[in-house]
Amino acid sequence: MAIACVTVVTDAPGRILGGIAALGLLVFAVGSWRARPRLAITPSGLVYHGWLRAQTLRRADIKLIRITEFRRIGRKVRLLEIDASDGRLIVLSRWDLGGDPLGVLDVLTDAGYAGDPGR
């Protein structure tokens, strides 16, 4: 887009707007690349990566991990919800996880994070 902005667009306002759009796309691409996947299992706990910092959730910090499923625009959407003991609710989609939320829940269950909610 930046090359087209410089070579094809002949007026100055068009070049400025095209350049801003190209810069915005570049920022979005870098931010999306850096932010995914947002959840990782480490020896110290679950690490949730936000846009600016990472937070570690220990097993004791997690009350419940569940899948919510609903229909949206004619298709099923699944979300992984992590309910922390301090009142935070972390909601992650397929885009955030880099895979199917059901598969991620299976991995979390095998790692001992998503078990009996009454523990």
PDB file of N, CA and C in Angstrom:
ATOM      1  N   MET A   1       0.828  -1.185   0.000  1.00  0.00           N
ATOM      2  CA  MET A   1       0.000   0.000   0.000  1.00  0.00           C
ATOM      3  C   MET A   1       0.875   1.252   0.000  1.00  0.00           C
ATOM      4  N   ALA A   2       1.986   1.201   0.720  1.00  0.00           N
ATOM      5  CA  ALA A   2       2.882   2.353   0.759  1.00  0.00           C
ATOM      6  C   ALA A   2       3.504   2.597  -0.618  1.00  0.00           C
ATOM      7  N   ILE A   3       3.851   1.527  -1.325  1.00  0.00           N
ATOM      8  CA  ILE A   3       4.434   1.678  -2.673  1.00  0.00           C
ATOM      9  C   ILE A   3       3.407   2.262  -3.628  1.00  0.00           C
ATOM     10  N   ALA A   4       2.170   1.770  -3.544  1.00  0.00           N
ATOM     11  CA  ALA A   4       1.110   2.311  -4.397  1.00  0.00           C
ATOM     12  C   ALA A   4       0.847   3.772  -4.056  1.00  0.00           C
ATOM     13  N   CYS A   5       0.924   4.111  -2.797  1.00  0.00           N
ATOM     14  CA  CYS A   5       0.706   5.493  -2.354  1.00  0.00           C
ATOM     15  C   CYS A   5       1.732   6.431  -2.984  1.00  0.00           C
ATOM     16  N   VAL A   6       2.982   5.978  -3.048  1.00  0.00           N
ATOM     17  CA  VAL A   6       4.044   6.822  -3.572  1.00  0.00           C
ATOM     18  C   VAL A   6       4.036   6.864  -5.100  1.00  0.00           C
ATOM     19  N   THR A   7       3.756   5.732  -5.752  1.00  0.00           N
ATOM     20  CA  THR A   7       3.885   5.666  -7.210  1.00  0.00           C
ATOM     21  C   THR A   7       2.607   5.997  -7.972  1.00  0.00           C
ATOM     22  N   VAL A   8       1.444   5.639  -7.449  1.00  0.00           N
ATOM     23  CA  VAL A   8       0.205   5.795  -8.203  1.00  0.00           C
ATOM     24  C   VAL A   8      -0.510   7.105  -7.891  1.00  0.00           C
ATOM     25  N   VAL A   9      -0.567   7.454  -6.626  1.00  0.00           N
ATOM     26  CA  VAL A   9      -1.317   8.644  -6.223  1.00  0.00           C
ATOM     27  C   VAL A   9      -0.497   9.888  -6.575  1.00  0.00           C
ATOM     28  N   THR A  10      -1.151  10.826  -7.259  1.00  0.00           N
ATOM     29  CA  THR A  10      -0.425  12.002  -7.737  1.00  0.00           C
ATOM     30  C   THR A  10      -0.659  13.261  -6.895  1.00  0.00           C
ATOM     31  N   ASP A  11      -1.753  13.304  -6.149  1.00  0.00           N
ATOM     32  CA  ASP A  11      -2.002  14.511  -5.357  1.00  0.00           C
ATOM     33  C   ASP A  11      -1.484  14.338  -3.925  1.00  0.00           C
ATOM     34  N   ALA A  12      -1.068  15.438  -3.333  1.00  0.00           N
ATOM     35  CA  ALA A  12      -0.451  15.412  -1.994  1.00  0.00           C
ATOM     36  C   ALA A  12      -1.411  14.912  -0.904  1.00  0.00           C
ATOM     37  N   PRO A  13      -2.670  15.379  -0.850  1.00  0.00           N
ATOM     38  CA  PRO A  13      -3.568  14.861   0.190  1.00  0.00           C
ATOM     39  C   PRO A  13      -3.815  13.354   0.062  1.00  0.00           C
ATOM     40  N   GLY A  14      -3.880  12.868  -1.164  1.00  0.00           N
ATOM     41  CA  GLY A  14      -4.056  11.432  -1.377  1.00  0.00           C
ATOM     42  C   GLY A  14      -2.855  10.641  -0.891  1.00  0.00           C
ATOM     43  N   ARG A  15      -1.675  11.170  -1.115  1.00  0.00           N
ATOM     44  CA  ARG A  15      -0.457  10.501  -0.625  1.00  0.00           C
ATOM     45  C   ARG A  15      -0.412  10.484   0.895  1.00  0.00           C
ATOM     46  N   ILE A  16      -0.825  11.574   1.508  1.00  0.00           N
ATOM     47  CA  ILE A  16      -0.826  11.627   2.976  1.00  0.00           C
ATOM     48  C   ILE A  16      -1.822  10.621   3.541  1.00  0.00           C
ATOM     49  N   LEU A  17      -3.038  10.609   2.996  1.00  0.00           N
ATOM     50  CA  LEU A  17      -4.046   9.660   3.477  1.00  0.00           C
ATOM     51  C   LEU A  17      -3.622   8.214   3.219  1.00  0.00           C
ATOM     52  N   GLY A  18      -3.069   7.948   2.049  1.00  0.00           N
ATOM     53  CA  GLY A  18      -2.574   6.600   1.741  1.00  0.00           C
ATOM     54  C   GLY A  18      -1.432   6.191   2.657  1.00  0.00           C
ATOM     55  N   GLY A  19      -0.552   7.128   2.953  1.00  0.00           N
ATOM     56  CA  GLY A  19       0.554   6.847   3.872  1.00  0.00           C
ATOM     57  C   GLY A  19       0.070   6.558   5.278  1.00  0.00           C
ATOM     58  N   ILE A  20      -0.926   7.307   5.732  1.00  0.00           N
ATOM     59  CA  ILE A  20      -1.495   7.062   7.062  1.00  0.00           C
ATOM     60  C   ILE A  20      -2.162   5.688   7.104  1.00  0.00           C
ATOM     61  N   ALA A  21      -2.877   5.343   6.043  1.00  0.00           N
ATOM     62  CA  ALA A  21      -3.523   4.029   5.985  1.00  0.00           C
ATOM     63  C   ALA A  21      -2.483   2.909   5.974  1.00  0.00           C
ATOM     64  N   ALA A  22      -1.403   3.082   5.225  1.00  0.00           N
ATOM     65  CA  ALA A  22      -0.340   2.068   5.183  1.00  0.00           C
ATOM     66  C   ALA A  22       0.315   1.924   6.549  1.00  0.00           C
ATOM     67  N   LEU A  23       0.551   3.033   7.223  1.00  0.00           N
ATOM     68  CA  LEU A  23       1.142   2.984   8.559  1.00  0.00           C
ATOM     69  C   LEU A  23       0.192   2.305   9.551  1.00  0.00           C
ATOM     70  N   GLY A  24      -1.102   2.607   9.440  1.00  0.00           N
ATOM     71  CA  GLY A  24      -2.095   1.962  10.312  1.00  0.00           C
ATOM     72  C   GLY A  24      -2.144   0.462  10.098  1.00  0.00           C
ATOM     73  N   LEU A  25      -2.081   0.018   8.850  1.00  0.00           N
ATOM     74  CA  LEU A  25      -2.060  -1.419   8.568  1.00  0.00           C
ATOM     75  C   LEU A  25      -0.805  -2.072   9.123  1.00  0.00           C
ATOM     76  N   LEU A  26       0.316  -1.386   9.015  1.00  0.00           N
ATOM     77  CA  LEU A  26       1.565  -1.928   9.545  1.00  0.00           C
ATOM     78  C   LEU A  26       1.503  -2.061  11.070  1.00  0.00           C
ATOM     79  N   VAL A  27       0.973  -1.054  11.756  1.00  0.00           N
ATOM     80  CA  VAL A  27       0.840  -1.104  13.213  1.00  0.00           C
ATOM     81  C   VAL A  27      -0.107  -2.229  13.621  1.00  0.00           C
ATOM     82  N   PHE A  28      -1.213  -2.380  12.903  1.00  0.00           N
ATOM     83  CA  PHE A  28      -2.162  -3.449  13.202  1.00  0.00           C
ATOM     84  C   PHE A  28      -1.530  -4.826  12.988  1.00  0.00           C
ATOM     85  N   ALA A  29      -0.775  -4.988  11.917  1.00  0.00           N
ATOM     86  CA  ALA A  29      -0.133  -6.276  11.640  1.00  0.00           C
ATOM     87  C   ALA A  29       0.892  -6.633  12.708  1.00  0.00           C
ATOM     88  N   VAL A  30       1.703  -5.678  13.109  1.00  0.00           N
ATOM     89  CA  VAL A  30       2.714  -5.944  14.143  1.00  0.00           C
ATOM     90  C   VAL A  30       2.044  -6.234  15.485  1.00  0.00           C
ATOM     91  N   GLY A  31       1.018  -5.463  15.825  1.00  0.00           N
ATOM     92  CA  GLY A  31       0.304  -5.701  17.077  1.00  0.00           C
ATOM     93  C   GLY A  31      -0.390  -7.050  17.106  1.00  0.00           C
ATOM     94  N   SER A  32      -0.997  -7.448  16.002  1.00  0.00           N
ATOM     95  CA  SER A  32      -1.656  -8.752  15.925  1.00  0.00           C
ATOM     96  C   SER A  32      -0.642  -9.878  15.998  1.00  0.00           C
ATOM     97  N   TRP A  33       0.490  -9.707  15.355  1.00  0.00           N
ATOM     98  CA  TRP A  33       1.529 -10.736  15.389  1.00  0.00           C
ATOM     99  C   TRP A  33       2.082 -10.883  16.799  1.00  0.00           C
ATOM    100  N   ARG A  34       2.269  -9.787  17.484  1.00  0.00           N
ATOM    101  CA  ARG A  34       2.844  -9.822  18.830  1.00  0.00           C
ATOM    102  C   ARG A  34       1.849 -10.367  19.850  1.00  0.00           C
ATOM    103  N   ALA A  35       0.578 -10.122  19.662  1.00  0.00           N
ATOM    104  CA  ALA A  35      -0.425 -10.465  20.659  1.00  0.00           C
ATOM    105  C   ALA A  35      -0.875 -11.921  20.604  1.00  0.00           C
ATOM    106  N   ARG A  36      -0.602 -12.641  19.550  1.00  0.00           N
ATOM    107  CA  ARG A  36      -1.100 -14.008  19.442  1.00  0.00           C
ATOM    108  C   ARG A  36       0.010 -15.004  19.586  1.00  0.00           C
ATOM    109  N   PRO A  37      -0.207 -16.150  20.167  1.00  0.00           N
ATOM    110  CA  PRO A  37      -1.330 -16.482  21.042  1.00  0.00           C
ATOM    111  C   PRO A  37      -1.178 -15.784  22.385  1.00  0.00           C
ATOM    112  N   ARG A  38      -2.288 -15.548  23.033  1.00  0.00           N
ATOM    113  CA  ARG A  38      -2.285 -14.751  24.256  1.00  0.00           C
ATOM    114  C   ARG A  38      -2.166 -15.585  25.519  1.00  0.00           C
ATOM    115  N   LEU A  39      -2.237 -16.905  25.404  1.00  0.00           N
ATOM    116  CA  LEU A  39      -2.222 -17.760  26.576  1.00  0.00           C
ATOM    117  C   LEU A  39      -1.128 -18.804  26.427  1.00  0.00           C
ATOM    118  N   ALA A  40      -0.343 -18.999  27.481  1.00  0.00           N
ATOM    119  CA  ALA A  40       0.734 -19.985  27.450  1.00  0.00           C
ATOM    120  C   ALA A  40       0.827 -20.667  28.815  1.00  0.00           C
ATOM    121  N   ILE A  41       1.195 -21.948  28.780  1.00  0.00           N
ATOM    122  CA  ILE A  41       1.407 -22.700  30.011  1.00  0.00           C
ATOM    123  C   ILE A  41       2.898 -22.697  30.309  1.00  0.00           C
ATOM    124  N   THR A  42       3.253 -22.218  31.494  1.00  0.00           N
ATOM    125  CA  THR A  42       4.647 -22.199  31.931  1.00  0.00           C
ATOM    126  C   THR A  42       4.733 -22.902  33.286  1.00  0.00           C
ATOM    127  N   PRO A  43       5.933 -23.221  33.762  1.00  0.00           N
ATOM    128  CA  PRO A  43       6.049 -23.848  35.084  1.00  0.00           C
ATOM    129  C   PRO A  43       5.500 -22.987  36.231  1.00  0.00           C
ATOM    130  N   SER A  44       5.500 -21.671  36.061  1.00  0.00           N
ATOM    131  CA  SER A  44       4.989 -20.793  37.119  1.00  0.00           C
ATOM    132  C   SER A  44       3.476 -20.604  37.056  1.00  0.00           C
ATOM    133  N   GLY A  45       2.820 -20.989  35.975  1.00  0.00           N
ATOM    134  CA  GLY A  45       1.373 -20.864  35.847  1.00  0.00           C
ATOM    135  C   GLY A  45       0.963 -20.526  34.426  1.00  0.00           C
ATOM    136  N   LEU A  46      -0.274 -20.106  34.272  1.00  0.00           N
ATOM    137  CA  LEU A  46      -0.780 -19.660  32.972  1.00  0.00           C
ATOM    138  C   LEU A  46      -0.352 -18.217  32.756  1.00  0.00           C
ATOM    139  N   VAL A  47       0.242 -17.945  31.628  1.00  0.00           N
ATOM    140  CA  VAL A  47       0.676 -16.591  31.308  1.00  0.00           C
ATOM    141  C   VAL A  47      -0.271 -16.033  30.257  1.00  0.00           C
ATOM    142  N   TYR A  48      -0.930 -14.939  30.615  1.00  0.00           N
ATOM    143  CA  TYR A  48      -1.844 -14.244  29.718  1.00  0.00           C
ATOM    144  C   TYR A  48      -1.128 -13.004  29.193  1.00  0.00           C
ATOM    145  N   HIS A  49      -0.909 -12.951  27.880  1.00  0.00           N
ATOM    146  CA  HIS A  49      -0.207 -11.828  27.262  1.00  0.00           C
ATOM    147  C   HIS A  49      -1.221 -10.787  26.802  1.00  0.00           C
ATOM    148  N   GLY A  50      -1.123  -9.596  27.339  1.00  0.00           N
ATOM    149  CA  GLY A  50      -1.947  -8.489  26.889  1.00  0.00           C
ATOM    150  C   GLY A  50      -1.195  -7.681  25.849  1.00  0.00           C
ATOM    151  N   TRP A  51      -1.712  -6.511  25.518  1.00  0.00           N
ATOM    152  CA  TRP A  51      -1.049  -5.670  24.524  1.00  0.00           C
ATOM    153  C   TRP A  51       0.249  -5.079  25.066  1.00  0.00           C
ATOM    154  N   LEU A  52       0.264  -4.771  26.364  1.00  0.00           N
ATOM    155  CA  LEU A  52       1.429  -4.101  26.918  1.00  0.00           C
ATOM    156  C   LEU A  52       2.247  -4.962  27.879  1.00  0.00           C
ATOM    157  N   ARG A  53       1.606  -5.871  28.593  1.00  0.00           N
ATOM    158  CA  ARG A  53       2.330  -6.670  29.574  1.00  0.00           C
ATOM    159  C   ARG A  53       1.720  -8.058  29.679  1.00  0.00           C
ATOM    160  N   ALA A  54       2.432  -8.924  30.367  1.00  0.00           N
ATOM    161  CA  ALA A  54       1.963 -10.290  30.589  1.00  0.00           C
ATOM    162  C   ALA A  54       1.625 -10.476  32.063  1.00  0.00           C
ATOM    163  N   GLN A  55       0.578 -11.249  32.315  1.00  0.00           N
ATOM    164  CA  GLN A  55       0.166 -11.544  33.682  1.00  0.00           C
ATOM    165  C   GLN A  55       0.236 -13.051  33.889  1.00  0.00           C
ATOM    166  N   THR A  56       0.718 -13.481  35.039  1.00  0.00           N
ATOM    167  CA  THR A  56       0.792 -14.893  35.357  1.00  0.00           C
ATOM    168  C   THR A  56      -0.321 -15.254  36.330  1.00  0.00           C
ATOM    169  N   LEU A  57      -1.101 -16.251  35.960  1.00  0.00           N
ATOM    170  CA  LEU A  57      -2.171 -16.748  36.816  1.00  0.00           C
ATOM    171  C   LEU A  57      -1.741 -18.103  37.367  1.00  0.00           C
ATOM    172  N   ARG A  58      -1.571 -18.182  38.682  1.00  0.00           N
ATOM    173  CA  ARG A  58      -1.238 -19.460  39.311  1.00  0.00           C
ATOM    174  C   ARG A  58      -2.503 -20.292  39.439  1.00  0.00           C
ATOM    175  N   ARG A  59      -2.343 -21.578  39.729  1.00  0.00           N
ATOM    176  CA  ARG A  59      -3.509 -22.457  39.865  1.00  0.00           C
ATOM    177  C   ARG A  59      -4.473 -21.935  40.926  1.00  0.00           C
ATOM    178  N   ALA A  60      -3.944 -21.386  42.007  1.00  0.00           N
ATOM    179  CA  ALA A  60      -4.796 -20.872  43.083  1.00  0.00           C
ATOM    180  C   ALA A  60      -5.551 -19.613  42.667  1.00  0.00           C
ATOM    181  N   ASP A  61      -5.066 -18.913  41.654  1.00  0.00           N
ATOM    182  CA  ASP A  61      -5.721 -17.680  41.183  1.00  0.00           C
ATOM    183  C   ASP A  61      -6.901 -17.955  40.262  1.00  0.00           C
ATOM    184  N   ILE A  62      -7.069 -19.190  39.816  1.00  0.00           N
ATOM    185  CA  ILE A  62      -8.094 -19.524  38.825  1.00  0.00           C
ATOM    186  C   ILE A  62      -9.251 -20.225  39.514  1.00  0.00           C
ATOM    187  N   LYS A  63     -10.448 -19.612  39.407  1.00  0.00           N
ATOM    188  CA  LYS A  63     -11.647 -20.234  39.969  1.00  0.00           C
ATOM    189  C   LYS A  63     -12.246 -21.242  38.996  1.00  0.00           C
ATOM    190  N   LEU A  64     -12.385 -20.848  37.734  1.00  0.00           N
ATOM    191  CA  LEU A  64     -13.095 -21.677  36.776  1.00  0.00           C
ATOM    192  C   LEU A  64     -12.605 -21.366  35.367  1.00  0.00           C
ATOM    193  N   ILE A  65     -12.483 -22.410  34.569  1.00  0.00           N
ATOM    194  CA  ILE A  65     -12.202 -22.254  33.141  1.00  0.00           C
ATOM    195  C   ILE A  65     -13.313 -22.984  32.406  1.00  0.00           C
ATOM    196  N   ARG A  66     -13.966 -22.281  31.487  1.00  0.00           N
ATOM    197  CA  ARG A  66     -15.098 -22.891  30.782  1.00  0.00           C
ATOM    198  C   ARG A  66     -15.165 -22.410  29.341  1.00  0.00           C
ATOM    199  N   ILE A  67     -15.954 -23.120  28.553  1.00  0.00           N
ATOM    200  CA  ILE A  67     -16.230 -22.755  27.166  1.00  0.00           C
ATOM    201  C   ILE A  67     -17.648 -22.215  27.098  1.00  0.00           C
ATOM    202  N   THR A  68     -17.826 -21.075  26.471  1.00  0.00           N
ATOM    203  CA  THR A  68     -19.162 -20.578  26.170  1.00  0.00           C
ATOM    204  C   THR A  68     -19.343 -20.659  24.664  1.00  0.00           C
ATOM    205  N   GLU A  69     -20.534 -21.029  24.267  1.00  0.00           N
ATOM    206  CA  GLU A  69     -20.819 -21.225  22.846  1.00  0.00           C
ATOM    207  C   GLU A  69     -22.134 -20.537  22.518  1.00  0.00           C
ATOM    208  N   PHE A  70     -22.144 -19.786  21.439  1.00  0.00           N
ATOM    209  CA  PHE A  70     -23.366 -19.126  21.000  1.00  0.00           C
ATOM    210  C   PHE A  70     -23.334 -18.983  19.491  1.00  0.00           C
ATOM    211  N   ARG A  71     -24.481 -18.669  18.936  1.00  0.00           N
ATOM    212  CA  ARG A  71     -24.584 -18.494  17.491  1.00  0.00           C
ATOM    213  C   ARG A  71     -24.440 -17.017  17.159  1.00  0.00           C
ATOM    214  N   ARG A  72     -23.629 -16.760  16.153  1.00  0.00           N
ATOM    215  CA  ARG A  72     -23.404 -15.380  15.734  1.00  0.00           C
ATOM    216  C   ARG A  72     -23.283 -15.370  14.218  1.00  0.00           C
ATOM    217  N   ILE A  73     -24.135 -14.615  13.579  1.00  0.00           N
ATOM    218  CA  ILE A  73     -24.168 -14.476  12.124  1.00  0.00           C
ATOM    219  C   ILE A  73     -24.202 -15.856  11.460  1.00  0.00           C
ATOM    220  N   GLY A  74     -25.050 -16.726  11.979  1.00  0.00           N
ATOM    221  CA  GLY A  74     -25.271 -18.026  11.360  1.00  0.00           C
ATOM    222  C   GLY A  74     -24.208 -19.076  11.614  1.00  0.00           C
ATOM    223  N   ARG A  75     -23.307 -18.844  12.523  1.00  0.00           N
ATOM    224  CA  ARG A  75     -22.305 -19.867  12.832  1.00  0.00           C
ATOM    225  C   ARG A  75     -22.059 -19.904  14.326  1.00  0.00           C
ATOM    226  N   LYS A  76     -21.508 -21.033  14.772  1.00  0.00           N
ATOM    227  CA  LYS A  76     -21.217 -21.200  16.193  1.00  0.00           C
ATOM    228  C   LYS A  76     -19.892 -20.563  16.541  1.00  0.00           C
ATOM    229  N   VAL A  77     -19.887 -19.787  17.618  1.00  0.00           N
ATOM    230  CA  VAL A  77     -18.671 -19.148  18.101  1.00  0.00           C
ATOM    231  C   VAL A  77     -18.391 -19.678  19.505  1.00  0.00           C
ATOM    232  N   ARG A  78     -17.178 -20.147  19.711  1.00  0.00           N
ATOM    233  CA  ARG A  78     -16.777 -20.638  21.026  1.00  0.00           C
ATOM    234  C   ARG A  78     -15.758 -19.680  21.627  1.00  0.00           C
ATOM    235  N   LEU A  79     -15.907 -19.434  22.914  1.00  0.00           N
ATOM    236  CA  LEU A  79     -14.985 -18.585  23.647  1.00  0.00           C
ATOM    237  C   LEU A  79     -14.488 -19.338  24.872  1.00  0.00           C
ATOM    238  N   LEU A  80     -13.227 -19.171  25.201  1.00  0.00           N
ATOM    239  CA  LEU A  80     -12.661 -19.730  26.423  1.00  0.00           C
ATOM    240  C   LEU A  80     -12.682 -18.634  27.477  1.00  0.00           C
ATOM    241  N   GLU A  81     -13.332 -18.906  28.604  1.00  0.00           N
ATOM    242  CA  GLU A  81     -13.433 -17.932  29.688  1.00  0.00           C
ATOM    243  C   GLU A  81     -12.632 -18.427  30.876  1.00  0.00           C
ATOM    244  N   ILE A  82     -11.800 -17.568  31.411  1.00  0.00           N
ATOM    245  CA  ILE A  82     -11.028 -17.864  32.612  1.00  0.00           C
ATOM    246  C   ILE A  82     -11.508 -16.906  33.692  1.00  0.00           C
ATOM    247  N   ASP A  83     -12.091 -17.470  34.729  1.00  0.00           N
ATOM    248  CA  ASP A  83     -12.612 -16.687  35.844  1.00  0.00           C
ATOM    249  C   ASP A  83     -11.567 -16.708  36.952  1.00  0.00           C
ATOM    250  N   ALA A  84     -10.945 -15.566  37.197  1.00  0.00           N
ATOM    251  CA  ALA A  84      -9.900 -15.467  38.218  1.00  0.00           C
ATOM    252  C   ALA A  84     -10.526 -15.194  39.576  1.00  0.00           C
ATOM    253  N   SER A  85      -9.817 -15.569  40.625  1.00  0.00           N
ATOM    254  CA  SER A  85     -10.343 -15.412  41.984  1.00  0.00           C
ATOM    255  C   SER A  85     -10.429 -13.950  42.416  1.00  0.00           C
ATOM    256  N   ASP A  86      -9.715 -13.054  41.745  1.00  0.00           N
ATOM    257  CA  ASP A  86      -9.776 -11.633  42.110  1.00  0.00           C
ATOM    258  C   ASP A  86     -10.881 -10.876  41.372  1.00  0.00           C
ATOM    259  N   GLY A  87     -11.752 -11.598  40.675  1.00  0.00           N
ATOM    260  CA  GLY A  87     -12.889 -10.976  40.006  1.00  0.00           C
ATOM    261  C   GLY A  87     -12.691 -10.700  38.533  1.00  0.00           C
ATOM    262  N   ARG A  88     -11.497 -10.930  38.000  1.00  0.00           N
ATOM    263  CA  ARG A  88     -11.261 -10.711  36.575  1.00  0.00           C
ATOM    264  C   ARG A  88     -11.875 -11.843  35.760  1.00  0.00           C
ATOM    265  N   LEU A  89     -12.388 -11.510  34.601  1.00  0.00           N
ATOM    266  CA  LEU A  89     -12.879 -12.485  33.644  1.00  0.00           C
ATOM    267  C   LEU A  89     -12.108 -12.280  32.352  1.00  0.00           C
ATOM    268  N   ILE A  90     -11.339 -13.282  31.971  1.00  0.00           N
ATOM    269  CA  ILE A  90     -10.546 -13.212  30.749  1.00  0.00           C
ATOM    270  C   ILE A  90     -11.267 -14.030  29.696  1.00  0.00           C
ATOM    271  N   VAL A  91     -11.639 -13.398  28.589  1.00  0.00           N
ATOM    272  CA  VAL A  91     -12.369 -14.058  27.513  1.00  0.00           C
ATOM    273  C   VAL A  91     -11.458 -14.097  26.289  1.00  0.00           C
ATOM    274  N   LEU A  92     -11.237 -15.313  25.781  1.00  0.00           N
ATOM    275  CA  LEU A  92     -10.325 -15.509  24.651  1.00  0.00           C
ATOM    276  C   LEU A  92     -11.052 -16.224  23.517  1.00  0.00           C
ATOM    277  N   SER A  93     -10.896 -15.712  22.313  1.00  0.00           N
ATOM    278  CA  SER A  93     -11.516 -16.313  21.142  1.00  0.00           C
ATOM    279  C   SER A  93     -10.499 -17.189  20.406  1.00  0.00           C
ATOM    280  N   ARG A  94     -10.950 -17.787  19.334  1.00  0.00           N
ATOM    281  CA  ARG A  94     -10.061 -18.596  18.490  1.00  0.00           C
ATOM    282  C   ARG A  94      -8.892 -17.753  17.989  1.00  0.00           C
ATOM    283  N   TRP A  95      -9.158 -16.518  17.655  1.00  0.00           N
ATOM    284  CA  TRP A  95      -8.119 -15.604  17.169  1.00  0.00           C
ATOM    285  C   TRP A  95      -7.064 -15.365  18.247  1.00  0.00           C
ATOM    286  N   ASP A  96      -7.511 -15.168  19.494  1.00  0.00           N
ATOM    287  CA  ASP A  96      -6.586 -14.922  20.596  1.00  0.00           C
ATOM    288  C   ASP A  96      -5.754 -16.150  20.948  1.00  0.00           C
ATOM    289  N   LEU A  97      -6.362 -17.326  20.836  1.00  0.00           N
ATOM    290  CA  LEU A  97      -5.699 -18.559  21.242  1.00  0.00           C
ATOM    291  C   LEU A  97      -4.826 -19.168  20.157  1.00  0.00           C
ATOM    292  N   GLY A  98      -5.109 -18.850  18.916  1.00  0.00           N
ATOM    293  CA  GLY A  98      -4.354 -19.451  17.821  1.00  0.00           C
ATOM    294  C   GLY A  98      -4.820 -20.865  17.505  1.00  0.00           C
ATOM    295  N   GLY A  99      -5.972 -21.250  18.002  1.00  0.00           N
ATOM    296  CA  GLY A  99      -6.519 -22.582  17.760  1.00  0.00           C
ATOM    297  C   GLY A  99      -7.927 -22.682  18.321  1.00  0.00           C
ATOM    298  N   ASP A 100      -8.509 -23.877  18.210  1.00  0.00           N
ATOM    299  CA  ASP A 100      -9.866 -24.101  18.677  1.00  0.00           C
ATOM    300  C   ASP A 100      -9.923 -24.036  20.206  1.00  0.00           C
ATOM    301  N   PRO A 101     -10.846 -23.274  20.772  1.00  0.00           N
ATOM    302  CA  PRO A 101     -10.946 -23.189  22.232  1.00  0.00           C
ATOM    303  C   PRO A 101     -11.182 -24.546  22.903  1.00  0.00           C
ATOM    304  N   LEU A 102     -11.890 -25.471  22.228  1.00  0.00           N
ATOM    305  CA  LEU A 102     -12.086 -26.802  22.811  1.00  0.00           C
ATOM    306  C   LEU A 102     -10.762 -27.547  22.939  1.00  0.00           C
ATOM    307  N   GLY A 103      -9.913 -27.426  21.936  1.00  0.00           N
ATOM    308  CA  GLY A 103      -8.594 -28.045  21.993  1.00  0.00           C
ATOM    309  C   GLY A 103      -7.733 -27.434  23.083  1.00  0.00           C
ATOM    310  N   VAL A 104      -7.821 -26.120  23.245  1.00  0.00           N
ATOM    311  CA  VAL A 104      -7.059 -25.442  24.291  1.00  0.00           C
ATOM    312  C   VAL A 104      -7.567 -25.867  25.661  1.00  0.00           C
ATOM    313  N   LEU A 105      -8.887 -26.024  25.812  1.00  0.00           N
ATOM    314  CA  LEU A 105      -9.442 -26.484  27.080  1.00  0.00           C
ATOM    315  C   LEU A 105      -8.959 -27.902  27.396  1.00  0.00           C
ATOM    316  N   ASP A 106      -8.866 -28.762  26.375  1.00  0.00           N
ATOM    317  CA  ASP A 106      -8.340 -30.116  26.587  1.00  0.00           C
ATOM    318  C   ASP A 106      -6.894 -30.076  27.071  1.00  0.00           C
ATOM    319  N   VAL A 107      -6.086 -29.204  26.487  1.00  0.00           N
ATOM    320  CA  VAL A 107      -4.686 -29.076  26.902  1.00  0.00           C
ATOM    321  C   VAL A 107      -4.610 -28.544  28.332  1.00  0.00           C
ATOM    322  N   LEU A 108      -5.450 -27.561  28.665  1.00  0.00           N
ATOM    323  CA  LEU A 108      -5.466 -27.019  30.027  1.00  0.00           C
ATOM    324  C   LEU A 108      -5.926 -28.072  31.034  1.00  0.00           C
ATOM    325  N   THR A 109      -6.889 -28.899  30.644  1.00  0.00           N
ATOM    326  CA  THR A 109      -7.353 -29.969  31.515  1.00  0.00           C
ATOM    327  C   THR A 109      -6.252 -30.986  31.747  1.00  0.00           C
ATOM    328  N   ASP A 110      -5.537 -31.365  30.696  1.00  0.00           N
ATOM    329  CA  ASP A 110      -4.423 -32.310  30.830  1.00  0.00           C
ATOM    330  C   ASP A 110      -3.310 -31.742  31.705  1.00  0.00           C
ATOM    331  N   ALA A 111      -3.133 -30.417  31.682  1.00  0.00           N
ATOM    332  CA  ALA A 111      -2.111 -29.777  32.501  1.00  0.00           C
ATOM    333  C   ALA A 111      -2.573 -29.544  33.939  1.00  0.00           C
ATOM    334  N   GLY A 112      -3.843 -29.826  34.208  1.00  0.00           N
ATOM    335  CA  GLY A 112      -4.354 -29.705  35.571  1.00  0.00           C
ATOM    336  C   GLY A 112      -4.964 -28.372  35.917  1.00  0.00           C
ATOM    337  N   TYR A 113      -5.256 -27.548  34.944  1.00  0.00           N
ATOM    338  CA  TYR A 113      -5.838 -26.231  35.222  1.00  0.00           C
ATOM    339  C   TYR A 113      -7.345 -26.238  35.208  1.00  0.00           C
ATOM    340  N   ALA A 114      -7.946 -26.951  34.279  1.00  0.00           N
ATOM    341  CA  ALA A 114      -9.397 -26.925  34.139  1.00  0.00           C
ATOM    342  C   ALA A 114      -9.969 -28.251  34.614  1.00  0.00           C
ATOM    343  N   GLY A 115     -10.174 -28.363  35.894  1.00  0.00           N
ATOM    344  CA  GLY A 115     -10.705 -29.604  36.442  1.00  0.00           C
ATOM    345  C   GLY A 115     -12.042 -29.379  37.066  1.00  0.00           C
ATOM    346  N   ASP A 116     -12.247 -29.974  38.204  1.00  0.00           N
ATOM    347  CA  ASP A 116     -13.496 -29.864  38.949  1.00  0.00           C
ATOM    348  C   ASP A 116     -13.660 -28.448  39.480  1.00  0.00           C
ATOM    349  N   PRO A 117     -14.757 -27.748  39.118  1.00  0.00           N
ATOM    350  CA  PRO A 117     -14.935 -26.381  39.601  1.00  0.00           C
ATOM    351  C   PRO A 117     -15.174 -26.292  41.101  1.00  0.00           C
ATOM    352  N   GLY A 118     -15.451 -27.403  41.757  1.00  0.00           N
ATOM    353  CA  GLY A 118     -15.708 -27.371  43.185  1.00  0.00           C
ATOM    354  C   GLY A 118     -14.483 -27.626  44.042  1.00  0.00           C
ATOM    355  N   ARG A 119     -13.293 -27.539  43.459  1.00  0.00           N
ATOM    356  CA  ARG A 119     -12.080 -27.844  44.246  1.00  0.00           C
ATOM    357  C   ARG A 119     -11.716 -26.751  45.190  1.00  0.00           C
TER     358      ARG A 119
END
